[in-house]
Amino acid sequence: MRKLRLIAAPSAAALAALLVPGATSAVASTTDLPGACQYYTDYDFVYGQLNLYASKTCNGVSQPGYAVIEKVGAGGNITAVAYGFGIVHYTCQGTAVNTFRFDGEINKQVILDPGALPCG
């Protein structure tokens, strides 16, 4: 079962998910510890492209967060398919359904997992 604390936040990604058939989107934002950084993570999936957005605010300073899109194979093998700071994109190849998960500077108290997504 996926656990995700959603917050209402106007964003282009969320709007695209509402307007584009087959698009998905989610937003997570929490603070790990009092006085620590606050992490903001958002993703969308439109026409076979998975987009991950990550930022963090530490001591009042906002900056891009390090984010990783990982593909989970049928046997549980995990492969990083895209990574970077701020905005990370991965375009699926073929038409198969693939399972993805995220890692990096995202809140570890919230499981943000897009799960199985059709590529084509």
N, C-alpha and C. Protein backbone atom coordinates (compact mmCIF):
# COMPACT_ATOMS: atom_id res chain seq x y z
N MET A 1 0.84 -1.17 0.00
CA MET A 1 0.00 0.00 0.00
C MET A 1 0.88 1.23 0.00
N ARG A 2 0.55 2.20 -0.80
CA ARG A 2 1.32 3.44 -0.88
C ARG A 2 0.83 4.42 0.17
N LYS A 3 1.76 5.09 0.82
CA LYS A 3 1.43 6.13 1.79
C LYS A 3 1.95 7.44 1.23
N LEU A 4 1.10 8.44 1.20
CA LEU A 4 1.50 9.73 0.66
C LEU A 4 0.64 10.80 1.27
N ARG A 5 1.26 11.79 1.87
CA ARG A 5 0.51 12.92 2.40
C ARG A 5 0.46 13.96 1.30
N LEU A 6 -0.72 14.21 0.79
CA LEU A 6 -0.89 15.16 -0.29
C LEU A 6 -1.24 16.52 0.25
N ILE A 7 -0.75 17.55 -0.39
CA ILE A 7 -1.13 18.91 -0.04
C ILE A 7 -1.68 19.58 -1.27
N ALA A 8 -2.60 20.50 -1.07
CA ALA A 8 -3.14 21.24 -2.20
C ALA A 8 -2.13 22.30 -2.59
N ALA A 9 -1.65 22.21 -3.79
CA ALA A 9 -0.67 23.18 -4.27
C ALA A 9 -0.88 23.39 -5.75
N PRO A 10 -1.16 24.62 -6.15
CA PRO A 10 -1.31 24.86 -7.59
C PRO A 10 0.04 24.71 -8.27
N SER A 11 0.07 23.89 -9.26
CA SER A 11 1.31 23.72 -10.01
C SER A 11 0.98 23.32 -11.43
N ALA A 12 1.90 23.59 -12.31
CA ALA A 12 1.70 23.22 -13.71
C ALA A 12 1.57 21.71 -13.84
N ALA A 13 2.32 20.97 -13.03
CA ALA A 13 2.26 19.51 -13.10
C ALA A 13 0.89 19.01 -12.69
N ALA A 14 0.36 19.53 -11.61
CA ALA A 14 -0.96 19.10 -11.14
C ALA A 14 -2.03 19.50 -12.15
N LEU A 15 -1.91 20.69 -12.72
CA LEU A 15 -2.87 21.14 -13.71
C LEU A 15 -2.81 20.27 -14.95
N ALA A 16 -1.61 19.91 -15.38
CA ALA A 16 -1.46 19.04 -16.55
C ALA A 16 -2.12 17.70 -16.30
N ALA A 17 -2.00 17.18 -15.08
CA ALA A 17 -2.59 15.89 -14.75
C ALA A 17 -4.11 15.96 -14.84
N LEU A 18 -4.69 17.11 -14.55
CA LEU A 18 -6.14 17.26 -14.64
C LEU A 18 -6.61 17.44 -16.08
N LEU A 19 -5.80 18.08 -16.89
CA LEU A 19 -6.22 18.42 -18.25
C LEU A 19 -5.80 17.40 -19.30
N VAL A 20 -4.78 16.61 -19.03
CA VAL A 20 -4.28 15.66 -20.02
C VAL A 20 -4.73 14.25 -19.65
N PRO A 21 -5.51 13.60 -20.50
CA PRO A 21 -5.95 12.24 -20.20
C PRO A 21 -4.76 11.31 -19.98
N GLY A 22 -4.83 10.47 -18.98
CA GLY A 22 -3.77 9.52 -18.71
C GLY A 22 -2.62 10.06 -17.90
N ALA A 23 -2.65 11.33 -17.51
CA ALA A 23 -1.56 11.93 -16.74
C ALA A 23 -1.79 11.69 -15.26
N THR A 24 -0.71 11.55 -14.51
CA THR A 24 -0.80 11.41 -13.06
C THR A 24 0.10 12.44 -12.42
N SER A 25 -0.21 12.78 -11.18
CA SER A 25 0.60 13.77 -10.47
C SER A 25 0.40 13.60 -8.98
N ALA A 26 1.40 13.96 -8.19
CA ALA A 26 1.29 13.95 -6.73
C ALA A 26 2.27 14.96 -6.17
N VAL A 27 1.97 15.44 -4.98
CA VAL A 27 2.82 16.41 -4.31
C VAL A 27 3.02 15.96 -2.88
N ALA A 28 4.24 16.05 -2.39
CA ALA A 28 4.51 15.75 -0.98
C ALA A 28 5.40 16.84 -0.42
N SER A 29 5.09 17.28 0.78
CA SER A 29 5.91 18.31 1.41
C SER A 29 5.79 18.15 2.92
N THR A 30 6.90 17.85 3.56
CA THR A 30 6.93 17.75 5.01
C THR A 30 8.34 18.08 5.49
N THR A 31 8.48 18.23 6.79
CA THR A 31 9.78 18.47 7.40
C THR A 31 10.18 17.22 8.17
N ASP A 32 11.41 16.74 7.94
CA ASP A 32 11.87 15.53 8.63
C ASP A 32 12.02 15.74 10.13
N LEU A 33 12.69 16.78 10.54
CA LEU A 33 12.95 17.05 11.95
C LEU A 33 12.78 18.53 12.23
N PRO A 34 12.38 18.91 13.45
CA PRO A 34 12.28 20.33 13.77
C PRO A 34 13.62 21.02 13.51
N GLY A 35 13.59 22.15 12.83
CA GLY A 35 14.81 22.90 12.55
C GLY A 35 15.60 22.38 11.37
N ALA A 36 15.17 21.25 10.81
CA ALA A 36 15.89 20.68 9.67
C ALA A 36 15.29 21.22 8.37
N CYS A 37 15.69 20.66 7.27
CA CYS A 37 15.21 21.10 5.97
C CYS A 37 13.78 20.63 5.72
N GLN A 38 13.08 21.40 4.92
CA GLN A 38 11.77 20.99 4.43
C GLN A 38 11.94 20.60 2.98
N TYR A 39 11.41 19.43 2.62
CA TYR A 39 11.57 18.90 1.27
C TYR A 39 10.24 18.98 0.53
N TYR A 40 10.30 19.39 -0.73
CA TYR A 40 9.13 19.46 -1.59
C TYR A 40 9.39 18.56 -2.79
N THR A 41 8.48 17.64 -3.04
CA THR A 41 8.63 16.72 -4.16
C THR A 41 7.31 16.67 -4.93
N ASP A 42 7.41 16.73 -6.22
CA ASP A 42 6.24 16.68 -7.09
C ASP A 42 6.63 15.84 -8.29
N TYR A 43 5.67 15.11 -8.85
CA TYR A 43 5.97 14.38 -10.07
C TYR A 43 4.74 14.36 -10.96
N ASP A 44 4.98 14.17 -12.23
CA ASP A 44 3.88 13.91 -13.14
C ASP A 44 4.35 12.93 -14.21
N PHE A 45 3.37 12.32 -14.85
CA PHE A 45 3.63 11.33 -15.88
C PHE A 45 2.69 11.63 -17.03
N VAL A 46 3.24 12.10 -18.16
CA VAL A 46 2.43 12.50 -19.29
C VAL A 46 3.03 11.90 -20.56
N TYR A 47 2.22 11.13 -21.28
CA TYR A 47 2.62 10.57 -22.57
C TYR A 47 3.97 9.85 -22.51
N GLY A 48 4.16 9.02 -21.51
CA GLY A 48 5.38 8.22 -21.42
C GLY A 48 6.57 8.92 -20.82
N GLN A 49 6.44 10.17 -20.39
CA GLN A 49 7.56 10.86 -19.75
C GLN A 49 7.26 11.08 -18.27
N LEU A 50 8.16 10.58 -17.43
CA LEU A 50 8.07 10.74 -15.99
C LEU A 50 8.94 11.92 -15.60
N ASN A 51 8.36 12.90 -14.93
CA ASN A 51 9.06 14.11 -14.52
C ASN A 51 9.03 14.20 -13.00
N LEU A 52 10.19 14.38 -12.39
CA LEU A 52 10.31 14.47 -10.94
C LEU A 52 10.89 15.83 -10.59
N TYR A 53 10.22 16.52 -9.67
CA TYR A 53 10.63 17.86 -9.25
C TYR A 53 11.00 17.79 -7.77
N ALA A 54 12.18 18.30 -7.40
CA ALA A 54 12.62 18.23 -6.01
C ALA A 54 13.28 19.54 -5.61
N SER A 55 12.88 20.03 -4.44
CA SER A 55 13.55 21.20 -3.88
C SER A 55 13.56 21.06 -2.37
N LYS A 56 14.40 21.85 -1.73
CA LYS A 56 14.46 21.82 -0.28
C LYS A 56 14.70 23.23 0.23
N THR A 57 14.22 23.49 1.43
CA THR A 57 14.45 24.77 2.09
C THR A 57 15.12 24.47 3.42
N CYS A 58 16.32 24.99 3.59
CA CYS A 58 17.08 24.79 4.81
C CYS A 58 17.45 26.16 5.38
N ASN A 59 17.06 26.42 6.61
CA ASN A 59 17.35 27.70 7.27
C ASN A 59 16.90 28.88 6.41
N GLY A 60 15.73 28.74 5.78
CA GLY A 60 15.17 29.82 4.98
C GLY A 60 15.72 29.96 3.58
N VAL A 61 16.65 29.09 3.20
CA VAL A 61 17.25 29.16 1.87
C VAL A 61 16.72 28.00 1.02
N SER A 62 16.06 28.32 -0.10
CA SER A 62 15.55 27.31 -1.01
C SER A 62 16.59 26.97 -2.06
N GLN A 63 16.65 25.69 -2.41
CA GLN A 63 17.59 25.25 -3.43
C GLN A 63 17.07 23.96 -4.06
N PRO A 64 17.54 23.62 -5.27
CA PRO A 64 17.12 22.37 -5.89
C PRO A 64 17.56 21.18 -5.04
N GLY A 65 16.72 20.16 -4.99
CA GLY A 65 17.08 18.94 -4.28
C GLY A 65 17.60 17.90 -5.25
N TYR A 66 18.44 17.00 -4.76
CA TYR A 66 18.95 15.90 -5.57
C TYR A 66 17.85 14.85 -5.68
N ALA A 67 17.54 14.41 -6.89
CA ALA A 67 16.45 13.47 -7.10
C ALA A 67 16.88 12.35 -8.04
N VAL A 68 16.33 11.16 -7.78
CA VAL A 68 16.65 9.98 -8.58
C VAL A 68 15.35 9.28 -8.96
N ILE A 69 15.20 8.97 -10.25
CA ILE A 69 14.11 8.12 -10.71
C ILE A 69 14.70 6.72 -10.88
N GLU A 70 14.09 5.75 -10.21
CA GLU A 70 14.58 4.38 -10.28
C GLU A 70 13.53 3.48 -10.91
N LYS A 71 14.00 2.56 -11.74
CA LYS A 71 13.12 1.58 -12.37
C LYS A 71 13.28 0.27 -11.61
N VAL A 72 12.16 -0.34 -11.25
CA VAL A 72 12.17 -1.59 -10.50
C VAL A 72 11.86 -2.73 -11.47
N GLY A 73 12.81 -3.64 -11.63
CA GLY A 73 12.65 -4.76 -12.54
C GLY A 73 11.74 -5.83 -11.98
N ALA A 74 11.36 -6.77 -12.83
CA ALA A 74 10.45 -7.85 -12.43
C ALA A 74 10.99 -8.66 -11.25
N GLY A 75 12.28 -8.84 -11.17
CA GLY A 75 12.88 -9.59 -10.08
C GLY A 75 13.24 -8.73 -8.87
N GLY A 76 12.81 -7.46 -8.89
CA GLY A 76 13.12 -6.56 -7.78
C GLY A 76 14.42 -5.81 -7.97
N ASN A 77 15.10 -6.02 -9.10
CA ASN A 77 16.34 -5.31 -9.38
C ASN A 77 16.05 -3.83 -9.60
N ILE A 78 16.79 -2.95 -8.93
CA ILE A 78 16.56 -1.51 -9.02
C ILE A 78 17.68 -0.84 -9.81
N THR A 79 17.28 -0.05 -10.82
CA THR A 79 18.24 0.64 -11.67
C THR A 79 17.90 2.13 -11.70
N ALA A 80 18.88 2.98 -11.40
CA ALA A 80 18.67 4.42 -11.53
C ALA A 80 18.65 4.74 -13.02
N VAL A 81 17.54 5.35 -13.48
CA VAL A 81 17.41 5.65 -14.91
C VAL A 81 17.58 7.14 -15.20
N ALA A 82 17.44 7.98 -14.18
CA ALA A 82 17.64 9.43 -14.35
C ALA A 82 17.90 10.04 -12.98
N TYR A 83 18.79 11.02 -12.95
CA TYR A 83 19.10 11.68 -11.69
C TYR A 83 19.65 13.07 -11.95
N GLY A 84 19.56 13.91 -10.94
CA GLY A 84 20.06 15.27 -11.07
C GLY A 84 19.47 16.16 -9.99
N PHE A 85 19.65 17.46 -10.14
CA PHE A 85 19.16 18.42 -9.16
C PHE A 85 17.97 19.19 -9.73
N GLY A 86 16.94 19.33 -8.93
CA GLY A 86 15.79 20.15 -9.31
C GLY A 86 14.75 19.41 -10.10
N ILE A 87 14.97 19.27 -11.41
CA ILE A 87 14.01 18.62 -12.30
C ILE A 87 14.70 17.47 -13.02
N VAL A 88 14.10 16.29 -12.93
CA VAL A 88 14.66 15.10 -13.55
C VAL A 88 13.60 14.51 -14.47
N HIS A 89 14.00 14.16 -15.70
CA HIS A 89 13.07 13.60 -16.69
C HIS A 89 13.53 12.20 -17.10
N TYR A 90 12.54 11.33 -17.31
CA TYR A 90 12.84 10.02 -17.89
C TYR A 90 11.73 9.69 -18.89
N THR A 91 12.11 9.35 -20.11
CA THR A 91 11.15 8.97 -21.14
C THR A 91 11.19 7.47 -21.32
N CYS A 92 10.05 6.83 -21.13
CA CYS A 92 9.94 5.38 -21.27
C CYS A 92 10.20 4.96 -22.70
N GLN A 93 10.75 3.77 -22.87
CA GLN A 93 10.98 3.19 -24.17
C GLN A 93 10.00 2.03 -24.36
N GLY A 94 9.37 1.94 -25.52
CA GLY A 94 8.44 0.85 -25.79
C GLY A 94 7.06 1.12 -25.24
N THR A 95 6.27 0.06 -25.07
CA THR A 95 4.89 0.21 -24.61
C THR A 95 4.60 -0.58 -23.33
N ALA A 96 5.60 -1.20 -22.76
CA ALA A 96 5.39 -2.03 -21.58
C ALA A 96 5.05 -1.19 -20.35
N VAL A 97 4.41 -1.83 -19.38
CA VAL A 97 4.17 -1.19 -18.09
C VAL A 97 5.43 -1.37 -17.25
N ASN A 98 5.93 -0.28 -16.67
CA ASN A 98 7.14 -0.32 -15.85
C ASN A 98 6.82 0.19 -14.45
N THR A 99 7.58 -0.29 -13.48
CA THR A 99 7.41 0.15 -12.11
C THR A 99 8.56 1.08 -11.74
N PHE A 100 8.23 2.23 -11.17
CA PHE A 100 9.22 3.23 -10.81
C PHE A 100 9.11 3.59 -9.34
N ARG A 101 10.19 4.12 -8.80
CA ARG A 101 10.20 4.70 -7.46
C ARG A 101 11.20 5.84 -7.45
N PHE A 102 11.16 6.65 -6.39
CA PHE A 102 12.02 7.82 -6.29
C PHE A 102 12.94 7.71 -5.09
N ASP A 103 14.09 8.38 -5.19
CA ASP A 103 15.03 8.46 -4.08
C ASP A 103 15.75 9.80 -4.19
N GLY A 104 16.60 10.06 -3.24
CA GLY A 104 17.37 11.31 -3.24
C GLY A 104 16.98 12.17 -2.06
N GLU A 105 17.05 13.49 -2.26
CA GLU A 105 16.71 14.43 -1.20
C GLU A 105 15.20 14.69 -1.20
N ILE A 106 14.49 13.63 -0.83
CA ILE A 106 13.05 13.70 -0.67
C ILE A 106 12.76 13.27 0.76
N ASN A 107 11.60 13.62 1.24
CA ASN A 107 11.28 13.31 2.63
C ASN A 107 11.22 11.80 2.83
N LYS A 108 11.95 11.31 3.80
CA LYS A 108 12.01 9.87 4.06
C LYS A 108 10.85 9.39 4.92
N GLN A 109 10.07 10.32 5.48
CA GLN A 109 8.90 9.93 6.28
C GLN A 109 7.68 9.69 5.40
N VAL A 110 7.76 10.10 4.16
CA VAL A 110 6.66 9.94 3.21
C VAL A 110 7.11 9.03 2.09
N ILE A 111 6.31 8.03 1.77
CA ILE A 111 6.65 7.15 0.66
C ILE A 111 5.99 7.74 -0.58
N LEU A 112 6.81 8.22 -1.48
CA LEU A 112 6.33 8.81 -2.73
C LEU A 112 6.71 7.86 -3.84
N ASP A 113 5.74 7.11 -4.34
CA ASP A 113 6.01 6.01 -5.26
C ASP A 113 4.97 6.03 -6.38
N PRO A 114 5.39 6.35 -7.61
CA PRO A 114 4.42 6.36 -8.70
C PRO A 114 3.93 4.97 -9.09
N GLY A 115 4.68 3.92 -8.73
CA GLY A 115 4.27 2.56 -9.00
C GLY A 115 4.37 2.20 -10.47
N ALA A 116 3.41 1.37 -10.94
CA ALA A 116 3.42 0.87 -12.30
C ALA A 116 2.79 1.88 -13.25
N LEU A 117 3.52 2.24 -14.30
CA LEU A 117 3.06 3.21 -15.28
C LEU A 117 3.23 2.65 -16.69
N PRO A 118 2.22 2.83 -17.54
CA PRO A 118 2.36 2.37 -18.93
C PRO A 118 3.21 3.36 -19.73
N CYS A 119 4.14 2.85 -20.50
CA CYS A 119 5.03 3.73 -21.25
C CYS A 119 4.40 4.29 -22.50
N GLY A 120 3.72 3.48 -23.28
CA GLY A 120 3.23 3.92 -24.57
C GLY A 120 1.88 4.56 -24.56
